[in-house]
Amino acid sequence: MYGENASSNTDSSPHVPALGALLADTSRGDRVGEFRGVAGPYWSLRPVAGGREWEVEPRYVRPALLMEQLRARTARLNARSRGEVL
């Protein structure tokens, strides 16, 4: 019989990360942002050092590398010391 071994679950949606997880957006040159939530088919990311959120397709997102996380957290601390972020 045809389709016997076919999976009935064709939804291959990626695992949704925890709020605040640091992710790299490969469609924007590996720009790092904090995961803020799901908006339809897109994921919302916010710049770590503050700024305007942006949306990206989940297929263009990967977990930020440790060096990218360190760089992003340092940028946030520097912005905080300048009074730009609370």
Protein backbone atom coordinates (compact mmCIF):
# COMPACT_ATOMS: atom_id res chain seq x y z
CA MET A 1 0.00 0.00 0.00
CA TYR A 2 1.29 3.47 -0.90
CA GLY A 3 2.19 5.84 1.94
CA GLU A 4 2.36 3.13 4.60
CA ASN A 5 5.60 4.47 6.01
CA ALA A 6 4.80 8.12 5.46
CA SER A 7 4.69 10.23 8.57
CA SER A 8 1.28 11.72 9.28
CA ASN A 9 2.94 14.63 11.06
CA THR A 10 4.34 16.86 8.32
CA ASP A 11 4.79 19.88 10.62
CA SER A 12 8.52 20.48 10.80
CA SER A 13 8.38 23.70 12.80
CA PRO A 14 11.60 24.40 14.70
CA HIS A 15 11.81 24.25 18.47
CA VAL A 16 10.81 27.59 19.98
CA PRO A 17 13.60 28.89 22.25
CA ALA A 18 13.13 30.24 25.76
CA LEU A 19 12.36 33.95 26.15
CA GLY A 20 15.59 35.92 26.33
CA ALA A 21 17.68 33.27 24.56
CA LEU A 22 20.43 34.81 22.47
CA LEU A 23 20.09 33.96 18.79
CA ALA A 24 21.95 34.92 15.63
CA ASP A 25 19.98 36.06 12.59
CA THR A 26 21.90 34.70 9.60
CA SER A 27 19.81 36.73 7.15
CA ARG A 28 21.30 39.91 8.65
CA GLY A 29 24.95 39.00 8.87
CA ASP A 30 24.68 36.97 12.09
CA ARG A 31 23.13 39.86 14.02
CA VAL A 32 22.53 38.74 17.62
CA GLY A 33 19.27 39.40 19.41
CA GLU A 34 17.20 38.21 22.35
CA PHE A 35 14.25 36.00 21.53
CA ARG A 36 11.04 37.87 22.43
CA GLY A 37 8.33 35.58 21.07
CA VAL A 38 6.48 34.26 18.05
CA ALA A 39 4.57 36.58 15.71
CA GLY A 40 2.74 34.42 13.19
CA PRO A 41 5.34 32.58 11.10
CA TYR A 42 8.15 34.82 12.38
CA TRP A 43 10.24 35.03 15.52
CA SER A 44 10.73 38.42 17.17
CA LEU A 45 14.25 39.36 18.21
CA ARG A 46 15.40 42.46 20.08
CA PRO A 47 18.90 43.92 20.02
CA VAL A 48 20.73 43.01 23.21
CA ALA A 49 21.91 46.57 23.83
CA GLY A 50 18.40 47.94 23.29
CA GLY A 51 16.66 49.15 20.20
CA ARG A 52 13.89 48.22 17.84
CA GLU A 53 12.72 44.61 17.57
CA TRP A 54 12.79 42.84 14.24
CA GLU A 55 11.16 39.73 12.86
CA VAL A 56 12.90 36.85 11.16
CA GLU A 57 11.92 33.50 9.70
CA PRO A 58 12.98 30.71 12.09
CA ARG A 59 14.99 29.00 9.32
CA TYR A 60 17.44 31.95 9.40
CA VAL A 61 18.05 31.73 13.15
CA ARG A 62 20.64 29.74 15.05
CA PRO A 63 21.82 29.78 18.67
CA ALA A 64 24.44 32.46 19.22
CA LEU A 65 27.99 31.18 19.64
CA LEU A 66 29.66 31.77 23.01
CA MET A 67 31.84 34.54 21.52
CA GLU A 68 28.75 36.21 20.04
CA GLN A 69 26.97 35.96 23.40
CA LEU A 70 29.95 37.53 25.18
CA ARG A 71 30.13 40.33 22.61
CA ALA A 72 26.38 41.01 22.92
CA ARG A 73 26.44 41.03 26.73
CA THR A 74 29.44 43.35 26.74
CA ALA A 75 27.59 45.71 24.39
CA ARG A 76 24.61 45.67 26.77
CA LEU A 77 26.80 46.47 29.78
CA ASN A 78 28.48 49.31 27.89
CA ALA A 79 25.10 50.75 26.84
CA ARG A 80 23.91 50.44 30.43
CA SER A 81 26.95 52.31 31.74
CA ARG A 82 26.18 55.12 29.27
CA GLY A 83 22.58 55.25 30.54
CA GLU A 84 21.11 54.03 27.24
CA VAL A 85 19.60 50.85 28.72
CA LEU A 86 18.12 50.15 32.13
